Amino acid sequence: MINDRKFILWVRTFFILIIVTSISDVFFDIKQGASHLHVLLECLIGILALAMLLALFINTRMQARHNTELRHELTDVMDRSAKASLKLAVAKRTFGEEIWKQFADWAFTDSEAEVAFFTLKGFNAKEIAGLRNASEKTVRNQLTSVYRKSGTTGKPDFIAWFMEGLISPEKPET
């Protein structure tokens, strides 16, 4: 596959070749005594080829500037994205630490904390049982204890307890 620069070079070369052959053909036709109409048509072809070559040069320059601007924009966006990803990673880690601190404040056992963690991640009792190699009944009993110790009434209420502080009704300032 030919790259853009090589393609443009080939097209420019093609138009230059047309211009050169048109000019030489005009001089040859004049020497040979060709009709004025024929010479005029040859000149017109040369002028059109020259105009196309100039348009190609101008367009190539504009595209190069535009591509440079896009590269700068892409770099800026990638920098902002990396910074946002870093901030998000820090926020996730901090939130995770706060979750585990809250589990400790509620005096969850290690098993209850693990079940509570999987619950916050959206797993149901059957899935948690499979992940922990435990029976579903054991997980349900641990979930009952988690809800009782946390003062919540079930999975939606338990998840909402943690989400409450994260979701603000005010629109953030930009």
N, C-alpha and C. Protein backbone atom coordinates (compact mmCIF):
# COMPACT_ATOMS: atom_id res chain seq x y z
N MET A 1 0.85 -1.18 0.00
CA MET A 1 0.00 0.00 0.00
C MET A 1 0.89 1.24 0.00
N ILE A 2 0.52 2.20 -0.79
CA ILE A 2 1.31 3.42 -0.91
C ILE A 2 0.86 4.40 0.18
N ASN A 3 1.82 5.03 0.86
CA ASN A 3 1.42 5.96 1.91
C ASN A 3 1.04 7.31 1.31
N ASP A 4 0.47 8.18 2.14
CA ASP A 4 -0.07 9.46 1.66
C ASP A 4 1.01 10.33 1.02
N ARG A 5 2.17 10.39 1.64
CA ARG A 5 3.24 11.25 1.10
C ARG A 5 3.70 10.77 -0.27
N LYS A 6 3.86 9.47 -0.41
CA LYS A 6 4.28 8.93 -1.70
C LYS A 6 3.21 9.16 -2.76
N PHE A 7 1.95 8.99 -2.37
CA PHE A 7 0.85 9.20 -3.31
C PHE A 7 0.85 10.65 -3.79
N ILE A 8 0.96 11.59 -2.85
CA ILE A 8 0.97 13.01 -3.22
C ILE A 8 2.16 13.31 -4.12
N LEU A 9 3.30 12.74 -3.82
CA LEU A 9 4.49 12.94 -4.66
C LEU A 9 4.24 12.43 -6.07
N TRP A 10 3.63 11.26 -6.19
CA TRP A 10 3.32 10.71 -7.51
C TRP A 10 2.32 11.60 -8.26
N VAL A 11 1.32 12.09 -7.57
CA VAL A 11 0.33 12.95 -8.23
C VAL A 11 0.98 14.26 -8.68
N ARG A 12 1.81 14.85 -7.81
CA ARG A 12 2.51 16.08 -8.19
C ARG A 12 3.40 15.84 -9.41
N THR A 13 4.11 14.74 -9.38
CA THR A 13 5.00 14.40 -10.50
C THR A 13 4.18 14.24 -11.79
N PHE A 14 3.03 13.61 -11.66
CA PHE A 14 2.15 13.43 -12.81
C PHE A 14 1.72 14.77 -13.39
N PHE A 15 1.29 15.70 -12.54
CA PHE A 15 0.86 17.00 -13.03
C PHE A 15 2.03 17.81 -13.60
N ILE A 16 3.19 17.71 -12.99
CA ILE A 16 4.38 18.40 -13.53
C ILE A 16 4.70 17.83 -14.91
N LEU A 17 4.61 16.51 -15.05
CA LEU A 17 4.86 15.87 -16.34
C LEU A 17 3.86 16.36 -17.39
N ILE A 18 2.60 16.50 -17.00
CA ILE A 18 1.58 17.01 -17.93
C ILE A 18 1.92 18.44 -18.35
N ILE A 19 2.33 19.27 -17.38
CA ILE A 19 2.66 20.66 -17.69
C ILE A 19 3.84 20.72 -18.65
N VAL A 20 4.89 19.98 -18.32
CA VAL A 20 6.10 19.99 -19.16
C VAL A 20 5.78 19.49 -20.56
N THR A 21 5.04 18.39 -20.66
CA THR A 21 4.72 17.86 -22.00
C THR A 21 3.78 18.81 -22.74
N SER A 22 2.88 19.47 -22.03
CA SER A 22 1.97 20.43 -22.68
C SER A 22 2.74 21.61 -23.24
N ILE A 23 3.68 22.14 -22.45
CA ILE A 23 4.47 23.28 -22.92
C ILE A 23 5.33 22.88 -24.11
N SER A 24 5.99 21.72 -23.99
CA SER A 24 6.84 21.29 -25.13
C SER A 24 5.99 20.98 -26.36
N ASP A 25 4.79 20.44 -26.15
CA ASP A 25 3.90 20.15 -27.27
C ASP A 25 3.44 21.44 -27.93
N VAL A 26 3.16 22.47 -27.14
CA VAL A 26 2.75 23.76 -27.71
C VAL A 26 3.86 24.31 -28.59
N PHE A 27 5.10 24.29 -28.09
CA PHE A 27 6.22 24.80 -28.89
C PHE A 27 6.41 23.95 -30.16
N PHE A 28 6.28 22.64 -30.03
CA PHE A 28 6.43 21.76 -31.19
C PHE A 28 5.32 22.04 -32.21
N ASP A 29 4.07 22.20 -31.69
CA ASP A 29 2.94 22.48 -32.59
C ASP A 29 3.11 23.82 -33.31
N ILE A 30 3.63 24.83 -32.60
CA ILE A 30 3.83 26.13 -33.23
C ILE A 30 4.88 26.00 -34.34
N LYS A 31 5.97 25.26 -34.06
CA LYS A 31 7.02 25.03 -35.07
C LYS A 31 6.47 24.30 -36.28
N GLN A 32 5.55 23.37 -36.03
CA GLN A 32 5.00 22.57 -37.12
C GLN A 32 3.88 23.30 -37.86
N GLY A 33 3.48 24.47 -37.33
CA GLY A 33 2.43 25.26 -38.00
C GLY A 33 1.03 24.75 -37.72
N ALA A 34 0.80 24.22 -36.51
CA ALA A 34 -0.54 23.73 -36.16
C ALA A 34 -1.52 24.90 -36.08
N SER A 35 -2.79 24.57 -36.14
CA SER A 35 -3.82 25.61 -36.11
C SER A 35 -3.83 26.31 -34.74
N HIS A 36 -4.31 27.56 -34.77
CA HIS A 36 -4.36 28.34 -33.53
C HIS A 36 -5.28 27.68 -32.49
N LEU A 37 -6.35 27.08 -32.98
CA LEU A 37 -7.28 26.41 -32.07
C LEU A 37 -6.60 25.26 -31.35
N HIS A 38 -5.82 24.48 -32.08
CA HIS A 38 -5.09 23.35 -31.48
C HIS A 38 -4.09 23.85 -30.44
N VAL A 39 -3.35 24.89 -30.78
CA VAL A 39 -2.36 25.46 -29.85
C VAL A 39 -3.07 26.00 -28.62
N LEU A 40 -4.22 26.65 -28.84
CA LEU A 40 -5.00 27.20 -27.73
C LEU A 40 -5.47 26.09 -26.79
N LEU A 41 -5.93 24.99 -27.35
CA LEU A 41 -6.37 23.84 -26.53
C LEU A 41 -5.20 23.26 -25.75
N GLU A 42 -4.02 23.15 -26.39
CA GLU A 42 -2.83 22.65 -25.69
C GLU A 42 -2.45 23.58 -24.54
N CYS A 43 -2.54 24.89 -24.77
CA CYS A 43 -2.24 25.86 -23.70
C CYS A 43 -3.24 25.73 -22.56
N LEU A 44 -4.50 25.54 -22.92
CA LEU A 44 -5.56 25.39 -21.92
C LEU A 44 -5.31 24.16 -21.05
N ILE A 45 -4.92 23.06 -21.64
CA ILE A 45 -4.61 21.84 -20.89
C ILE A 45 -3.44 22.09 -19.95
N GLY A 46 -2.43 22.78 -20.43
CA GLY A 46 -1.28 23.10 -19.58
C GLY A 46 -1.67 24.00 -18.42
N ILE A 47 -2.50 24.99 -18.69
CA ILE A 47 -2.95 25.92 -17.64
C ILE A 47 -3.80 25.17 -16.61
N LEU A 48 -4.70 24.31 -17.07
CA LEU A 48 -5.53 23.52 -16.14
C LEU A 48 -4.66 22.59 -15.29
N ALA A 49 -3.67 21.98 -15.89
CA ALA A 49 -2.76 21.10 -15.14
C ALA A 49 -2.00 21.91 -14.10
N LEU A 50 -1.55 23.10 -14.47
CA LEU A 50 -0.85 23.97 -13.53
C LEU A 50 -1.78 24.38 -12.39
N ALA A 51 -3.02 24.72 -12.71
CA ALA A 51 -4.00 25.10 -11.68
C ALA A 51 -4.25 23.93 -10.73
N MET A 52 -4.37 22.73 -11.27
CA MET A 52 -4.58 21.55 -10.43
C MET A 52 -3.38 21.28 -9.53
N LEU A 53 -2.18 21.49 -10.09
CA LEU A 53 -0.97 21.30 -9.30
C LEU A 53 -0.91 22.31 -8.16
N LEU A 54 -1.25 23.55 -8.44
CA LEU A 54 -1.27 24.58 -7.39
C LEU A 54 -2.33 24.26 -6.33
N ALA A 55 -3.50 23.83 -6.78
CA ALA A 55 -4.56 23.45 -5.83
C ALA A 55 -4.10 22.30 -4.96
N LEU A 56 -3.40 21.34 -5.56
CA LEU A 56 -2.89 20.20 -4.79
C LEU A 56 -1.86 20.66 -3.76
N PHE A 57 -0.96 21.55 -4.15
CA PHE A 57 0.03 22.07 -3.21
C PHE A 57 -0.66 22.79 -2.04
N ILE A 58 -1.61 23.65 -2.37
CA ILE A 58 -2.32 24.41 -1.33
C ILE A 58 -3.08 23.46 -0.41
N ASN A 59 -3.80 22.50 -1.00
CA ASN A 59 -4.56 21.55 -0.19
C ASN A 59 -3.64 20.71 0.69
N THR A 60 -2.50 20.31 0.16
CA THR A 60 -1.55 19.50 0.93
C THR A 60 -1.04 20.29 2.13
N ARG A 61 -0.73 21.55 1.92
CA ARG A 61 -0.27 22.40 3.03
C ARG A 61 -1.35 22.57 4.09
N MET A 62 -2.58 22.80 3.64
CA MET A 62 -3.69 22.97 4.60
C MET A 62 -3.91 21.67 5.38
N GLN A 63 -3.85 20.55 4.70
CA GLN A 63 -4.02 19.26 5.37
C GLN A 63 -2.90 19.01 6.37
N ALA A 64 -1.68 19.37 6.00
CA ALA A 64 -0.55 19.19 6.92
C ALA A 64 -0.75 20.03 8.18
N ARG A 65 -1.19 21.27 8.01
CA ARG A 65 -1.47 22.12 9.19
C ARG A 65 -2.58 21.52 10.04
N HIS A 66 -3.63 21.09 9.36
CA HIS A 66 -4.76 20.50 10.08
C HIS A 66 -4.32 19.23 10.83
N ASN A 67 -3.53 18.41 10.19
CA ASN A 67 -3.03 17.19 10.84
C ASN A 67 -2.17 17.53 12.05
N THR A 68 -1.35 18.57 11.95
CA THR A 68 -0.53 19.01 13.08
C THR A 68 -1.42 19.45 14.23
N GLU A 69 -2.46 20.23 13.91
CA GLU A 69 -3.40 20.67 14.95
C GLU A 69 -4.08 19.47 15.60
N LEU A 70 -4.49 18.51 14.79
CA LEU A 70 -5.14 17.31 15.33
C LEU A 70 -4.20 16.51 16.21
N ARG A 71 -2.92 16.42 15.82
CA ARG A 71 -1.94 15.71 16.65
C ARG A 71 -1.78 16.40 18.00
N HIS A 72 -1.76 17.74 17.99
CA HIS A 72 -1.65 18.49 19.24
C HIS A 72 -2.89 18.26 20.11
N GLU A 73 -4.06 18.30 19.47
CA GLU A 73 -5.31 18.05 20.21
C GLU A 73 -5.31 16.65 20.79
N LEU A 74 -4.88 15.68 19.99
CA LEU A 74 -4.84 14.29 20.46
C LEU A 74 -3.90 14.15 21.65
N THR A 75 -2.75 14.80 21.58
CA THR A 75 -1.80 14.76 22.69
C THR A 75 -2.43 15.37 23.95
N ASP A 76 -3.11 16.51 23.78
CA ASP A 76 -3.78 17.14 24.93
C ASP A 76 -4.85 16.23 25.53
N VAL A 77 -5.65 15.63 24.66
CA VAL A 77 -6.72 14.74 25.13
C VAL A 77 -6.13 13.52 25.84
N MET A 78 -5.06 12.98 25.28
CA MET A 78 -4.42 11.82 25.91
C MET A 78 -3.83 12.20 27.27
N ASP A 79 -3.25 13.39 27.37
CA ASP A 79 -2.72 13.86 28.66
C ASP A 79 -3.85 14.02 29.68
N ARG A 80 -4.93 14.66 29.26
CA ARG A 80 -6.07 14.85 30.17
C ARG A 80 -6.67 13.51 30.57
N SER A 81 -6.75 12.58 29.62
CA SER A 81 -7.29 11.26 29.91
C SER A 81 -6.41 10.51 30.91
N ALA A 82 -5.09 10.62 30.72
CA ALA A 82 -4.17 9.95 31.65
C ALA A 82 -4.31 10.54 33.05
N LYS A 83 -4.43 11.87 33.13
CA LYS A 83 -4.59 12.52 34.43
C LYS A 83 -5.92 12.10 35.08
N ALA A 84 -6.98 12.06 34.27
CA ALA A 84 -8.28 11.65 34.79
C ALA A 84 -8.24 10.20 35.24
N SER A 85 -7.57 9.34 34.47
CA SER A 85 -7.46 7.93 34.85
C SER A 85 -6.71 7.79 36.17
N LEU A 86 -5.66 8.58 36.33
CA LEU A 86 -4.90 8.54 37.57
C LEU A 86 -5.76 9.01 38.74
N LYS A 87 -6.51 10.11 38.55
CA LYS A 87 -7.39 10.60 39.60
C LYS A 87 -8.45 9.55 39.95
N LEU A 88 -9.00 8.91 38.92
CA LEU A 88 -10.01 7.88 39.13
C LEU A 88 -9.43 6.69 39.89
N ALA A 89 -8.21 6.29 39.54
CA ALA A 89 -7.56 5.17 40.24
C ALA A 89 -7.36 5.51 41.71
N VAL A 90 -6.93 6.74 41.99
CA VAL A 90 -6.75 7.17 43.38
C VAL A 90 -8.09 7.18 44.10
N ALA A 91 -9.12 7.70 43.43
CA ALA A 91 -10.45 7.75 44.04
C ALA A 91 -10.98 6.33 44.32
N LYS A 92 -10.78 5.42 43.38
CA LYS A 92 -11.22 4.03 43.57
C LYS A 92 -10.51 3.39 44.76
N ARG A 93 -9.19 3.61 44.83
CA ARG A 93 -8.42 3.04 45.93
C ARG A 93 -8.89 3.63 47.27
N THR A 94 -9.08 4.94 47.31
CA THR A 94 -9.54 5.59 48.52
C THR A 94 -10.93 5.09 48.91
N PHE A 95 -11.82 4.98 47.93
CA PHE A 95 -13.17 4.50 48.21
C PHE A 95 -13.12 3.06 48.72
N GLY A 96 -12.29 2.24 48.09
CA GLY A 96 -12.13 0.85 48.54
C GLY A 96 -11.63 0.77 49.98
N GLU A 97 -10.66 1.63 50.31
CA GLU A 97 -10.15 1.65 51.68
C GLU A 97 -11.24 2.06 52.67
N GLU A 98 -12.05 3.03 52.27
CA GLU A 98 -13.14 3.49 53.15
C GLU A 98 -14.20 2.40 53.32
N ILE A 99 -14.46 1.64 52.27
CA ILE A 99 -15.41 0.53 52.38
C ILE A 99 -14.92 -0.47 53.43
N TRP A 100 -13.65 -0.86 53.32
CA TRP A 100 -13.11 -1.85 54.26
C TRP A 100 -13.08 -1.29 55.69
N LYS A 101 -12.83 0.02 55.85
CA LYS A 101 -12.87 0.64 57.18
C LYS A 101 -14.29 0.57 57.75
N GLN A 102 -15.27 0.83 56.88
CA GLN A 102 -16.66 0.76 57.32
C GLN A 102 -17.03 -0.66 57.73
N PHE A 103 -16.56 -1.64 56.98
CA PHE A 103 -16.80 -3.03 57.34
C PHE A 103 -16.23 -3.31 58.73
N ALA A 104 -15.05 -2.78 59.01
CA ALA A 104 -14.44 -2.96 60.33
C ALA A 104 -15.26 -2.25 61.40
N ASP A 105 -15.76 -1.05 61.09
CA ASP A 105 -16.60 -0.31 62.06
C ASP A 105 -17.87 -1.09 62.39
N TRP A 106 -18.42 -1.79 61.42
CA TRP A 106 -19.62 -2.59 61.66
C TRP A 106 -19.27 -3.95 62.28
N ALA A 107 -18.01 -4.20 62.47
CA ALA A 107 -17.52 -5.44 63.09
C ALA A 107 -17.89 -6.68 62.28
N PHE A 108 -17.74 -6.58 60.96
CA PHE A 108 -17.96 -7.75 60.11
C PHE A 108 -16.84 -8.74 60.35
N THR A 109 -17.17 -10.00 60.31
CA THR A 109 -16.13 -11.03 60.30
C THR A 109 -15.46 -10.98 58.93
N ASP A 110 -14.36 -11.69 58.77
CA ASP A 110 -13.69 -11.71 57.47
C ASP A 110 -14.61 -12.26 56.38
N SER A 111 -15.35 -13.31 56.73
CA SER A 111 -16.28 -13.91 55.76
C SER A 111 -17.40 -12.94 55.41
N GLU A 112 -17.95 -12.27 56.42
CA GLU A 112 -19.02 -11.29 56.15
C GLU A 112 -18.49 -10.14 55.29
N ALA A 113 -17.28 -9.69 55.57
CA ALA A 113 -16.70 -8.60 54.79
C ALA A 113 -16.52 -9.02 53.34
N GLU A 114 -16.08 -10.24 53.12
CA GLU A 114 -15.89 -10.72 51.76
C GLU A 114 -17.23 -10.83 51.03
N VAL A 115 -18.23 -11.36 51.72
CA VAL A 115 -19.57 -11.46 51.13
C VAL A 115 -20.12 -10.06 50.85
N ALA A 116 -19.93 -9.14 51.78
CA ALA A 116 -20.40 -7.76 51.61
C ALA A 116 -19.70 -7.11 50.40
N PHE A 117 -18.41 -7.35 50.28
CA PHE A 117 -17.65 -6.80 49.16
C PHE A 117 -18.20 -7.30 47.82
N PHE A 118 -18.42 -8.62 47.72
CA PHE A 118 -18.98 -9.18 46.49
C PHE A 118 -20.38 -8.64 46.23
N THR A 119 -21.14 -8.40 47.28
CA THR A 119 -22.48 -7.82 47.14
C THR A 119 -22.39 -6.43 46.54
N LEU A 120 -21.45 -5.63 47.04
CA LEU A 120 -21.27 -4.29 46.49
C LEU A 120 -20.84 -4.33 45.03
N LYS A 121 -20.15 -5.38 44.65
CA LYS A 121 -19.74 -5.52 43.25
C LYS A 121 -20.88 -6.01 42.36
N GLY A 122 -22.03 -6.35 42.97
CA GLY A 122 -23.22 -6.71 42.20
C GLY A 122 -23.50 -8.19 42.07
N PHE A 123 -22.72 -9.03 42.74
CA PHE A 123 -22.97 -10.47 42.67
C PHE A 123 -24.17 -10.85 43.53
N ASN A 124 -24.91 -11.88 43.11
CA ASN A 124 -26.01 -12.39 43.92
C ASN A 124 -25.49 -13.52 44.82
N ALA A 125 -26.35 -14.00 45.71
CA ALA A 125 -25.93 -15.00 46.69
C ALA A 125 -25.38 -16.27 46.03
N LYS A 126 -26.04 -16.72 44.96
CA LYS A 126 -25.59 -17.94 44.28
C LYS A 126 -24.19 -17.73 43.68
N GLU A 127 -23.97 -16.58 43.06
CA GLU A 127 -22.66 -16.29 42.47
C GLU A 127 -21.58 -16.17 43.55
N ILE A 128 -21.93 -15.53 44.66
CA ILE A 128 -20.96 -15.39 45.76
C ILE A 128 -20.60 -16.76 46.32
N ALA A 129 -21.60 -17.61 46.45
CA ALA A 129 -21.34 -18.97 46.94
C ALA A 129 -20.36 -19.68 46.02
N GLY A 130 -20.54 -19.53 44.73
CA GLY A 130 -19.63 -20.16 43.77
C GLY A 130 -18.22 -19.58 43.86
N LEU A 131 -18.12 -18.28 44.05
CA LEU A 131 -16.81 -17.64 44.15
C LEU A 131 -16.08 -18.04 45.44
N ARG A 132 -16.83 -18.29 46.50
CA ARG A 132 -16.22 -18.58 47.80
C ARG A 132 -16.18 -20.07 48.11
N ASN A 133 -16.67 -20.89 47.20
CA ASN A 133 -16.76 -22.33 47.45
C ASN A 133 -17.51 -22.61 48.76
N ALA A 134 -18.65 -21.95 48.88
CA ALA A 134 -19.49 -22.10 50.06
C ALA A 134 -20.90 -22.43 49.59
N SER A 135 -21.73 -22.85 50.52
CA SER A 135 -23.11 -23.13 50.14
C SER A 135 -23.87 -21.81 50.03
N GLU A 136 -24.90 -21.84 49.23
CA GLU A 136 -25.72 -20.64 49.05
C GLU A 136 -26.40 -20.27 50.37
N LYS A 137 -26.79 -21.28 51.15
CA LYS A 137 -27.45 -21.02 52.44
C LYS A 137 -26.48 -20.29 53.39
N THR A 138 -25.21 -20.70 53.40
CA THR A 138 -24.22 -20.02 54.25
C THR A 138 -24.08 -18.57 53.83
N VAL A 139 -24.01 -18.32 52.54
CA VAL A 139 -23.88 -16.95 52.04
C VAL A 139 -25.12 -16.14 52.41
N ARG A 140 -26.31 -16.73 52.29
CA ARG A 140 -27.54 -16.01 52.65
C ARG A 140 -27.53 -15.66 54.14
N ASN A 141 -27.07 -16.57 54.97
CA ASN A 141 -26.98 -16.29 56.42
C ASN A 141 -25.99 -15.16 56.68
N GLN A 142 -24.86 -15.19 55.96
CA GLN A 142 -23.87 -14.13 56.14
C GLN A 142 -24.42 -12.79 55.64
N LEU A 143 -25.19 -12.80 54.56
CA LEU A 143 -25.80 -11.57 54.06
C LEU A 143 -26.81 -11.02 55.07
N THR A 144 -27.58 -11.90 55.69
CA THR A 144 -28.52 -11.46 56.72
C THR A 144 -27.77 -10.76 57.85
N SER A 145 -26.65 -11.34 58.26
CA SER A 145 -25.83 -10.74 59.31
C SER A 145 -25.24 -9.40 58.85
N VAL A 146 -24.81 -9.31 57.61
CA VAL A 146 -24.27 -8.07 57.05
C VAL A 146 -25.31 -6.97 57.08
N TYR A 147 -26.52 -7.29 56.64
CA TYR A 147 -27.59 -6.30 56.61
C TYR A 147 -27.98 -5.86 58.02
N ARG A 148 -28.03 -6.82 58.95
CA ARG A 148 -28.38 -6.50 60.33
C ARG A 148 -27.32 -5.59 60.95
N LYS A 149 -26.04 -5.96 60.83
CA LYS A 149 -24.95 -5.18 61.43
C LYS A 149 -24.83 -3.78 60.80
N SER A 150 -25.16 -3.67 59.52
CA SER A 150 -25.03 -2.38 58.83
C SER A 150 -26.28 -1.52 58.98
N GLY A 151 -27.34 -2.11 59.53
CA GLY A 151 -28.59 -1.36 59.70
C GLY A 151 -29.33 -1.14 58.40
N THR A 152 -29.08 -2.00 57.42
CA THR A 152 -29.76 -1.90 56.13
C THR A 152 -30.77 -3.03 56.01
N THR A 153 -31.66 -2.91 55.05
CA THR A 153 -32.75 -3.88 54.93
C THR A 153 -32.56 -4.91 53.82
N GLY A 154 -31.53 -4.76 53.02
CA GLY A 154 -31.29 -5.71 51.93
C GLY A 154 -30.24 -5.16 50.99
N LYS A 155 -30.04 -5.87 49.91
CA LYS A 155 -28.98 -5.53 48.96
C LYS A 155 -29.10 -4.10 48.42
N PRO A 156 -30.28 -3.69 47.92
CA PRO A 156 -30.37 -2.32 47.38
C PRO A 156 -30.05 -1.26 48.45
N ASP A 157 -30.56 -1.46 49.64
CA ASP A 157 -30.33 -0.51 50.72
C ASP A 157 -28.85 -0.51 51.13
N PHE A 158 -28.24 -1.70 51.17
CA PHE A 158 -26.83 -1.82 51.53
C PHE A 158 -25.95 -1.08 50.50
N ILE A 159 -26.21 -1.32 49.22
CA ILE A 159 -25.44 -0.64 48.16
C ILE A 159 -25.69 0.86 48.22
N ALA A 160 -26.94 1.25 48.42
CA ALA A 160 -27.29 2.68 48.48
C ALA A 160 -26.58 3.38 49.63
N TRP A 161 -26.33 2.67 50.73
CA TRP A 161 -25.64 3.27 51.88
C TRP A 161 -24.27 3.79 51.44
N PHE A 162 -23.58 3.03 50.61
CA PHE A 162 -22.25 3.44 50.14
C PHE A 162 -22.33 4.47 49.02
N MET A 163 -23.37 4.38 48.22
CA MET A 163 -23.50 5.30 47.09
C MET A 163 -23.99 6.68 47.52
N GLU A 164 -24.67 6.76 48.62
CA GLU A 164 -25.28 8.02 49.07
C GLU A 164 -24.28 9.17 49.09
N GLY A 165 -23.10 8.96 49.62
CA GLY A 165 -22.12 10.03 49.70
C GLY A 165 -21.43 10.33 48.38
N LEU A 166 -21.52 9.42 47.43
CA LEU A 166 -20.85 9.62 46.14
C LEU A 166 -21.69 10.40 45.14
N ILE A 167 -22.99 10.31 45.29
CA ILE A 167 -23.88 10.92 44.32
C ILE A 167 -24.41 12.22 44.90
N SER A 168 -24.12 13.30 44.19
CA SER A 168 -24.53 14.62 44.65
C SER A 168 -25.63 15.15 43.73
N PRO A 169 -26.67 15.78 44.30
CA PRO A 169 -27.72 16.31 43.44
C PRO A 169 -27.28 17.56 42.69
N GLU A 170 -26.20 18.21 43.15
CA GLU A 170 -25.73 19.42 42.47
C GLU A 170 -24.84 19.04 41.29
N LYS A 171 -24.95 19.86 40.26
CA LYS A 171 -24.10 19.66 39.08
C LYS A 171 -22.71 20.15 39.45
N PRO A 172 -21.68 19.34 39.18
CA PRO A 172 -20.32 19.76 39.52
C PRO A 172 -19.87 20.93 38.66
N GLU A 173 -19.00 21.78 39.22
CA GLU A 173 -18.45 22.89 38.47
C GLU A 173 -17.40 22.37 37.51
N THR A 174 -17.34 22.97 36.34
CA THR A 174 -16.34 22.54 35.35
C THR A 174 -15.24 23.53 35.23
